[in-house]
Amino acid sequence: MARVPNVSFDEYPAQANIVSRRVVVYYDKDKTKFHYGTIVRADRQAPYETFIALDNGHFIRSAECSFDYIPANSNVA
């Protein structure tokens, strides 16, 4: 197992202020097929990962999809 900076038993990367933001997730830039989700991790430090919890119960990395923020005052999802 590799040693990752900022990740240990009691140390985690600082998180960006987009955690808990609602998003629409797309695949292969095809905006006709999408899922809604919530950002659950957004590292501001190494290893710079972003994870999205999809409403269907699955999780996806931002490297595996595209996403747009849903405005906070929106009635969508």
PDB file of N, CA and C in Angstrom:
ATOM      1  N   MET A   1       0.844  -1.176   0.000  1.00  0.00           N
ATOM      2  CA  MET A   1       0.000   0.000   0.000  1.00  0.00           C
ATOM      3  C   MET A   1       0.889   1.238   0.000  1.00  0.00           C
ATOM      4  N   ALA A   2       0.527   2.199  -0.785  1.00  0.00           N
ATOM      5  CA  ALA A   2       1.328   3.419  -0.926  1.00  0.00           C
ATOM      6  C   ALA A   2       1.057   4.397   0.211  1.00  0.00           C
ATOM      7  N   ARG A   3       2.047   5.162   0.534  1.00  0.00           N
ATOM      8  CA  ARG A   3       1.894   6.248   1.507  1.00  0.00           C
ATOM      9  C   ARG A   3       1.415   7.472   0.751  1.00  0.00           C
ATOM     10  N   VAL A   4       0.305   8.037   1.202  1.00  0.00           N
ATOM     11  CA  VAL A   4      -0.265   9.218   0.558  1.00  0.00           C
ATOM     12  C   VAL A   4      -0.126  10.397   1.516  1.00  0.00           C
ATOM     13  N   PRO A   5       0.424  11.519   1.059  1.00  0.00           N
ATOM     14  CA  PRO A   5       0.525  12.688   1.937  1.00  0.00           C
ATOM     15  C   PRO A   5      -0.857  13.107   2.437  1.00  0.00           C
ATOM     16  N   ASN A   6      -0.930  13.565   3.645  1.00  0.00           N
ATOM     17  CA  ASN A   6      -2.157  14.092   4.262  1.00  0.00           C
ATOM     18  C   ASN A   6      -3.201  13.029   4.572  1.00  0.00           C
ATOM     19  N   VAL A   7      -2.855  11.753   4.455  1.00  0.00           N
ATOM     20  CA  VAL A   7      -3.812  10.701   4.788  1.00  0.00           C
ATOM     21  C   VAL A   7      -3.143   9.733   5.747  1.00  0.00           C
ATOM     22  N   SER A   8      -3.701   9.631   6.942  1.00  0.00           N
ATOM     23  CA  SER A   8      -3.211   8.680   7.933  1.00  0.00           C
ATOM     24  C   SER A   8      -4.365   8.367   8.877  1.00  0.00           C
ATOM     25  N   PHE A   9      -4.061   7.666   9.961  1.00  0.00           N
ATOM     26  CA  PHE A   9      -5.093   7.286  10.919  1.00  0.00           C
ATOM     27  C   PHE A   9      -5.891   8.481  11.422  1.00  0.00           C
ATOM     28  N   ASP A  10      -5.213   9.584  11.676  1.00  0.00           N
ATOM     29  CA  ASP A  10      -5.902  10.756  12.231  1.00  0.00           C
ATOM     30  C   ASP A  10      -5.657  12.035  11.430  1.00  0.00           C
ATOM     31  N   GLU A  11      -5.287  11.896  10.187  1.00  0.00           N
ATOM     32  CA  GLU A  11      -5.031  13.057   9.334  1.00  0.00           C
ATOM     33  C   GLU A  11      -5.698  12.844   7.976  1.00  0.00           C
ATOM     34  N   TYR A  12      -6.397  13.878   7.515  1.00  0.00           N
ATOM     35  CA  TYR A  12      -7.096  13.819   6.234  1.00  0.00           C
ATOM     36  C   TYR A  12      -6.856  15.113   5.472  1.00  0.00           C
ATOM     37  N   PRO A  13      -6.977  15.088   4.142  1.00  0.00           N
ATOM     38  CA  PRO A  13      -6.763  16.309   3.369  1.00  0.00           C
ATOM     39  C   PRO A  13      -7.819  17.364   3.695  1.00  0.00           C
ATOM     40  N   ALA A  14      -7.412  18.622   3.646  1.00  0.00           N
ATOM     41  CA  ALA A  14      -8.376  19.716   3.799  1.00  0.00           C
ATOM     42  C   ALA A  14      -9.401  19.608   2.680  1.00  0.00           C
ATOM     43  N   GLN A  15     -10.660  19.954   3.001  1.00  0.00           N
ATOM     44  CA  GLN A  15     -11.740  19.821   2.039  1.00  0.00           C
ATOM     45  C   GLN A  15     -12.173  21.179   1.487  1.00  0.00           C
ATOM     46  N   ALA A  16     -12.546  21.177   0.222  1.00  0.00           N
ATOM     47  CA  ALA A  16     -13.031  22.390  -0.438  1.00  0.00           C
ATOM     48  C   ALA A  16     -14.466  22.681   0.016  1.00  0.00           C
ATOM     49  N   ASN A  17     -14.903  23.892  -0.223  1.00  0.00           N
ATOM     50  CA  ASN A  17     -16.244  24.301   0.226  1.00  0.00           C
ATOM     51  C   ASN A  17     -17.360  23.778  -0.677  1.00  0.00           C
ATOM     52  N   ILE A  18     -17.046  22.874  -1.609  1.00  0.00           N
ATOM     53  CA  ILE A  18     -18.089  22.287  -2.452  1.00  0.00           C
ATOM     54  C   ILE A  18     -18.649  20.990  -1.877  1.00  0.00           C
ATOM     55  N   VAL A  19     -18.088  20.517  -0.755  1.00  0.00           N
ATOM     56  CA  VAL A  19     -18.636  19.327  -0.108  1.00  0.00           C
ATOM     57  C   VAL A  19     -20.086  19.620   0.287  1.00  0.00           C
ATOM     58  N   SER A  20     -20.954  18.685   0.029  1.00  0.00           N
ATOM     59  CA  SER A  20     -22.405  18.765   0.269  1.00  0.00           C
ATOM     60  C   SER A  20     -23.167  19.459  -0.858  1.00  0.00           C
ATOM     61  N   ARG A  21     -22.473  19.942  -1.879  1.00  0.00           N
ATOM     62  CA  ARG A  21     -23.164  20.563  -3.015  1.00  0.00           C
ATOM     63  C   ARG A  21     -23.858  19.496  -3.842  1.00  0.00           C
ATOM     64  N   ARG A  22     -25.051  19.808  -4.329  1.00  0.00           N
ATOM     65  CA  ARG A  22     -25.793  18.922  -5.218  1.00  0.00           C
ATOM     66  C   ARG A  22     -25.283  19.120  -6.639  1.00  0.00           C
ATOM     67  N   VAL A  23     -25.204  18.017  -7.384  1.00  0.00           N
ATOM     68  CA  VAL A  23     -24.683  18.057  -8.743  1.00  0.00           C
ATOM     69  C   VAL A  23     -25.497  17.161  -9.668  1.00  0.00           C
ATOM     70  N   VAL A  24     -25.369  17.432 -10.959  1.00  0.00           N
ATOM     71  CA  VAL A  24     -25.878  16.555 -12.005  1.00  0.00           C
ATOM     72  C   VAL A  24     -24.656  15.917 -12.641  1.00  0.00           C
ATOM     73  N   VAL A  25     -24.639  14.587 -12.707  1.00  0.00           N
ATOM     74  CA  VAL A  25     -23.487  13.840 -13.202  1.00  0.00           C
ATOM     75  C   VAL A  25     -23.787  13.300 -14.599  1.00  0.00           C
ATOM     76  N   TYR A  26     -22.851  13.526 -15.528  1.00  0.00           N
ATOM     77  CA  TYR A  26     -22.974  13.082 -16.916  1.00  0.00           C
ATOM     78  C   TYR A  26     -21.836  12.121 -17.237  1.00  0.00           C
ATOM     79  N   TYR A  27     -22.041  11.365 -18.301  1.00  0.00           N
ATOM     80  CA  TYR A  27     -21.039  10.397 -18.728  1.00  0.00           C
ATOM     81  C   TYR A  27     -20.711  10.645 -20.194  1.00  0.00           C
ATOM     82  N   ASP A  28     -19.442  10.649 -20.529  1.00  0.00           N
ATOM     83  CA  ASP A  28     -18.990  10.858 -21.907  1.00  0.00           C
ATOM     84  C   ASP A  28     -19.609  12.104 -22.536  1.00  0.00           C
ATOM     85  N   LYS A  29     -19.805  13.125 -21.746  1.00  0.00           N
ATOM     86  CA  LYS A  29     -20.349  14.411 -22.195  1.00  0.00           C
ATOM     87  C   LYS A  29     -21.750  14.297 -22.791  1.00  0.00           C
ATOM     88  N   ASP A  30     -22.416  13.174 -22.550  1.00  0.00           N
ATOM     89  CA  ASP A  30     -23.778  12.957 -23.045  1.00  0.00           C
ATOM     90  C   ASP A  30     -24.757  13.450 -21.984  1.00  0.00           C
ATOM     91  N   LYS A  31     -25.290  14.649 -22.160  1.00  0.00           N
ATOM     92  CA  LYS A  31     -26.164  15.242 -21.153  1.00  0.00           C
ATOM     93  C   LYS A  31     -27.594  14.709 -21.214  1.00  0.00           C
ATOM     94  N   THR A  32     -27.858  13.726 -22.090  1.00  0.00           N
ATOM     95  CA  THR A  32     -29.193  13.123 -22.124  1.00  0.00           C
ATOM     96  C   THR A  32     -29.305  11.986 -21.116  1.00  0.00           C
ATOM     97  N   LYS A  33     -28.166  11.511 -20.604  1.00  0.00           N
ATOM     98  CA  LYS A  33     -28.133  10.446 -19.600  1.00  0.00           C
ATOM     99  C   LYS A  33     -27.392  10.989 -18.387  1.00  0.00           C
ATOM    100  N   PHE A  34     -28.063  11.048 -17.255  1.00  0.00           N
ATOM    101  CA  PHE A  34     -27.454  11.685 -16.086  1.00  0.00           C
ATOM    102  C   PHE A  34     -28.001  11.098 -14.798  1.00  0.00           C
ATOM    103  N   HIS A  35     -27.294  11.369 -13.728  1.00  0.00           N
ATOM    104  CA  HIS A  35     -27.733  11.048 -12.367  1.00  0.00           C
ATOM    105  C   HIS A  35     -27.596  12.312 -11.525  1.00  0.00           C
ATOM    106  N   TYR A  36     -28.365  12.373 -10.456  1.00  0.00           N
ATOM    107  CA  TYR A  36     -28.183  13.423  -9.454  1.00  0.00           C
ATOM    108  C   TYR A  36     -27.312  12.860  -8.345  1.00  0.00           C
ATOM    109  N   GLY A  37     -26.573  13.737  -7.678  1.00  0.00           N
ATOM    110  CA  GLY A  37     -25.729  13.294  -6.596  1.00  0.00           C
ATOM    111  C   GLY A  37     -25.294  14.433  -5.696  1.00  0.00           C
ATOM    112  N   THR A  38     -24.480  14.089  -4.709  1.00  0.00           N
ATOM    113  CA  THR A  38     -23.964  15.038  -3.729  1.00  0.00           C
ATOM    114  C   THR A  38     -22.463  14.823  -3.582  1.00  0.00           C
ATOM    115  N   ILE A  39     -21.703  15.897  -3.622  1.00  0.00           N
ATOM    116  CA  ILE A  39     -20.259  15.788  -3.425  1.00  0.00           C
ATOM    117  C   ILE A  39     -19.996  15.474  -1.957  1.00  0.00           C
ATOM    118  N   VAL A  40     -19.268  14.391  -1.712  1.00  0.00           N
ATOM    119  CA  VAL A  40     -18.987  13.968  -0.340  1.00  0.00           C
ATOM    120  C   VAL A  40     -17.523  14.130   0.044  1.00  0.00           C
ATOM    121  N   ARG A  41     -16.667  14.334  -0.947  1.00  0.00           N
ATOM    122  CA  ARG A  41     -15.247  14.580  -0.673  1.00  0.00           C
ATOM    123  C   ARG A  41     -14.692  15.422  -1.807  1.00  0.00           C
ATOM    124  N   ALA A  42     -13.925  16.447  -1.451  1.00  0.00           N
ATOM    125  CA  ALA A  42     -13.299  17.326  -2.440  1.00  0.00           C
ATOM    126  C   ALA A  42     -11.999  17.860  -1.843  1.00  0.00           C
ATOM    127  N   ASP A  43     -10.929  17.138  -2.063  1.00  0.00           N
ATOM    128  CA  ASP A  43      -9.630  17.463  -1.452  1.00  0.00           C
ATOM    129  C   ASP A  43      -9.046  18.765  -1.988  1.00  0.00           C
ATOM    130  N   ARG A  44      -8.549  19.585  -1.074  1.00  0.00           N
ATOM    131  CA  ARG A  44      -7.772  20.781  -1.443  1.00  0.00           C
ATOM    132  C   ARG A  44      -6.284  20.513  -1.327  1.00  0.00           C
ATOM    133  N   GLN A  45      -5.942  19.299  -0.907  1.00  0.00           N
ATOM    134  CA  GLN A  45      -4.556  18.877  -0.763  1.00  0.00           C
ATOM    135  C   GLN A  45      -4.421  17.490  -1.391  1.00  0.00           C
ATOM    136  N   ALA A  46      -3.184  17.043  -1.558  1.00  0.00           N
ATOM    137  CA  ALA A  46      -2.975  15.689  -2.079  1.00  0.00           C
ATOM    138  C   ALA A  46      -3.764  14.703  -1.222  1.00  0.00           C
ATOM    139  N   PRO A  47      -4.422  13.735  -1.820  1.00  0.00           N
ATOM    140  CA  PRO A  47      -4.304  13.257  -3.189  1.00  0.00           C
ATOM    141  C   PRO A  47      -5.278  13.904  -4.187  1.00  0.00           C
ATOM    142  N   TYR A  48      -5.933  14.980  -3.828  1.00  0.00           N
ATOM    143  CA  TYR A  48      -6.793  15.756  -4.744  1.00  0.00           C
ATOM    144  C   TYR A  48      -7.908  14.917  -5.376  1.00  0.00           C
ATOM    145  N   GLU A  49      -8.604  14.173  -4.549  1.00  0.00           N
ATOM    146  CA  GLU A  49      -9.722  13.346  -5.018  1.00  0.00           C
ATOM    147  C   GLU A  49     -11.043  14.077  -4.790  1.00  0.00           C
ATOM    148  N   THR A  50     -12.006  13.817  -5.669  1.00  0.00           N
ATOM    149  CA  THR A  50     -13.377  14.283  -5.474  1.00  0.00           C
ATOM    150  C   THR A  50     -14.291  13.089  -5.684  1.00  0.00           C
ATOM    151  N   PHE A  51     -15.152  12.828  -4.706  1.00  0.00           N
ATOM    152  CA  PHE A  51     -16.098  11.725  -4.782  1.00  0.00           C
ATOM    153  C   PHE A  51     -17.520  12.263  -4.722  1.00  0.00           C
ATOM    154  N   ILE A  52     -18.386  11.637  -5.490  1.00  0.00           N
ATOM    155  CA  ILE A  52     -19.794  12.023  -5.541  1.00  0.00           C
ATOM    156  C   ILE A  52     -20.636  10.817  -5.149  1.00  0.00           C
ATOM    157  N   ALA A  53     -21.539  11.004  -4.196  1.00  0.00           N
ATOM    158  CA  ALA A  53     -22.509   9.971  -3.827  1.00  0.00           C
ATOM    159  C   ALA A  53     -23.736  10.175  -4.705  1.00  0.00           C
ATOM    160  N   LEU A  54     -23.995   9.216  -5.577  1.00  0.00           N
ATOM    161  CA  LEU A  54     -25.147   9.314  -6.456  1.00  0.00           C
ATOM    162  C   LEU A  54     -26.416   8.957  -5.698  1.00  0.00           C
ATOM    163  N   ASP A  55     -27.524   9.514  -6.122  1.00  0.00           N
ATOM    164  CA  ASP A  55     -28.798   9.244  -5.460  1.00  0.00           C
ATOM    165  C   ASP A  55     -29.227   7.783  -5.586  1.00  0.00           C
ATOM    166  N   ASN A  56     -28.640   7.052  -6.540  1.00  0.00           N
ATOM    167  CA  ASN A  56     -28.996   5.640  -6.703  1.00  0.00           C
ATOM    168  C   ASN A  56     -28.180   4.728  -5.782  1.00  0.00           C
ATOM    169  N   GLY A  57     -27.366   5.322  -4.890  1.00  0.00           N
ATOM    170  CA  GLY A  57     -26.607   4.549  -3.916  1.00  0.00           C
ATOM    171  C   GLY A  57     -25.166   4.258  -4.307  1.00  0.00           C
ATOM    172  N   HIS A  58     -24.795   4.547  -5.529  1.00  0.00           N
ATOM    173  CA  HIS A  58     -23.433   4.317  -5.987  1.00  0.00           C
ATOM    174  C   HIS A  58     -22.569   5.545  -5.719  1.00  0.00           C
ATOM    175  N   PHE A  59     -21.250   5.340  -5.746  1.00  0.00           N
ATOM    176  CA  PHE A  59     -20.283   6.425  -5.612  1.00  0.00           C
ATOM    177  C   PHE A  59     -19.438   6.471  -6.869  1.00  0.00           C
ATOM    178  N   ILE A  60     -19.005   7.672  -7.254  1.00  0.00           N
ATOM    179  CA  ILE A  60     -18.198   7.829  -8.454  1.00  0.00           C
ATOM    180  C   ILE A  60     -17.130   8.888  -8.211  1.00  0.00           C
ATOM    181  N   ARG A  61     -15.981   8.700  -8.818  1.00  0.00           N
ATOM    182  CA  ARG A  61     -14.907   9.695  -8.755  1.00  0.00           C
ATOM    183  C   ARG A  61     -15.136  10.725  -9.840  1.00  0.00           C
ATOM    184  N   SER A  62     -14.723  11.951  -9.577  1.00  0.00           N
ATOM    185  CA  SER A  62     -14.896  13.002 -10.580  1.00  0.00           C
ATOM    186  C   SER A  62     -14.084  12.716 -11.842  1.00  0.00           C
ATOM    187  N   ALA A  63     -13.039  11.910 -11.731  1.00  0.00           N
ATOM    188  CA  ALA A  63     -12.235  11.540 -12.904  1.00  0.00           C
ATOM    189  C   ALA A  63     -12.994  10.621 -13.852  1.00  0.00           C
ATOM    190  N   GLU A  64     -14.102  10.051 -13.393  1.00  0.00           N
ATOM    191  CA  GLU A  64     -14.866   9.096 -14.188  1.00  0.00           C
ATOM    192  C   GLU A  64     -16.099   9.704 -14.836  1.00  0.00           C
ATOM    193  N   CYS A  65     -16.313  11.001 -14.653  1.00  0.00           N
ATOM    194  CA  CYS A  65     -17.543  11.617 -15.144  1.00  0.00           C
ATOM    195  C   CYS A  65     -17.340  13.120 -15.323  1.00  0.00           C
ATOM    196  N   SER A  66     -18.398  13.776 -15.759  1.00  0.00           N
ATOM    197  CA  SER A  66     -18.461  15.240 -15.759  1.00  0.00           C
ATOM    198  C   SER A  66     -19.616  15.613 -14.852  1.00  0.00           C
ATOM    199  N   PHE A  67     -19.552  16.808 -14.251  1.00  0.00           N
ATOM    200  CA  PHE A  67     -20.681  17.208 -13.415  1.00  0.00           C
ATOM    201  C   PHE A  67     -20.868  18.710 -13.448  1.00  0.00           C
ATOM    202  N   ASP A  68     -22.100  19.110 -13.223  1.00  0.00           N
ATOM    203  CA  ASP A  68     -22.474  20.530 -13.091  1.00  0.00           C
ATOM    204  C   ASP A  68     -23.126  20.710 -11.737  1.00  0.00           C
ATOM    205  N   TYR A  69     -22.874  21.860 -11.135  1.00  0.00           N
ATOM    206  CA  TYR A  69     -23.514  22.194  -9.870  1.00  0.00           C
ATOM    207  C   TYR A  69     -24.982  22.529 -10.092  1.00  0.00           C
ATOM    208  N   ILE A  70     -25.819  22.115  -9.158  1.00  0.00           N
ATOM    209  CA  ILE A  70     -27.221  22.516  -9.168  1.00  0.00           C
ATOM    210  C   ILE A  70     -27.317  23.752  -8.279  1.00  0.00           C
ATOM    211  N   PRO A  71     -27.859  24.852  -8.772  1.00  0.00           N
ATOM    212  CA  PRO A  71     -27.951  26.058  -7.947  1.00  0.00           C
ATOM    213  C   PRO A  71     -28.697  25.772  -6.631  1.00  0.00           C
ATOM    214  N   ALA A  72     -28.231  26.386  -5.560  1.00  0.00           N
ATOM    215  CA  ALA A  72     -28.805  26.144  -4.231  1.00  0.00           C
ATOM    216  C   ALA A  72     -30.283  26.476  -4.165  1.00  0.00           C
ATOM    217  N   ASN A  73     -30.738  27.453  -4.924  1.00  0.00           N
ATOM    218  CA  ASN A  73     -32.138  27.857  -4.888  1.00  0.00           C
ATOM    219  C   ASN A  73     -32.981  27.126  -5.927  1.00  0.00           C
ATOM    220  N   SER A  74     -32.448  26.055  -6.518  1.00  0.00           N
ATOM    221  CA  SER A  74     -33.149  25.319  -7.566  1.00  0.00           C
ATOM    222  C   SER A  74     -34.132  24.312  -6.957  1.00  0.00           C
ATOM    223  N   ASN A  75     -35.197  24.036  -7.667  1.00  0.00           N
ATOM    224  CA  ASN A  75     -36.161  23.016  -7.251  1.00  0.00           C
ATOM    225  C   ASN A  75     -35.789  21.649  -7.779  1.00  0.00           C
ATOM    226  N   VAL A  76     -34.674  21.552  -8.507  1.00  0.00           N
ATOM    227  CA  VAL A  76     -34.238  20.290  -9.088  1.00  0.00           C
ATOM    228  C   VAL A  76     -33.576  19.435  -8.022  1.00  0.00           C
ATOM    229  N   ALA A  77     -33.977  18.193  -7.960  1.00  0.00           N
ATOM    230  CA  ALA A  77     -33.382  17.180  -7.063  1.00  0.00           C
ATOM    231  C   ALA A  77     -33.134  17.738  -5.687  1.00  0.00           C
TER     232      ALA A  77
END
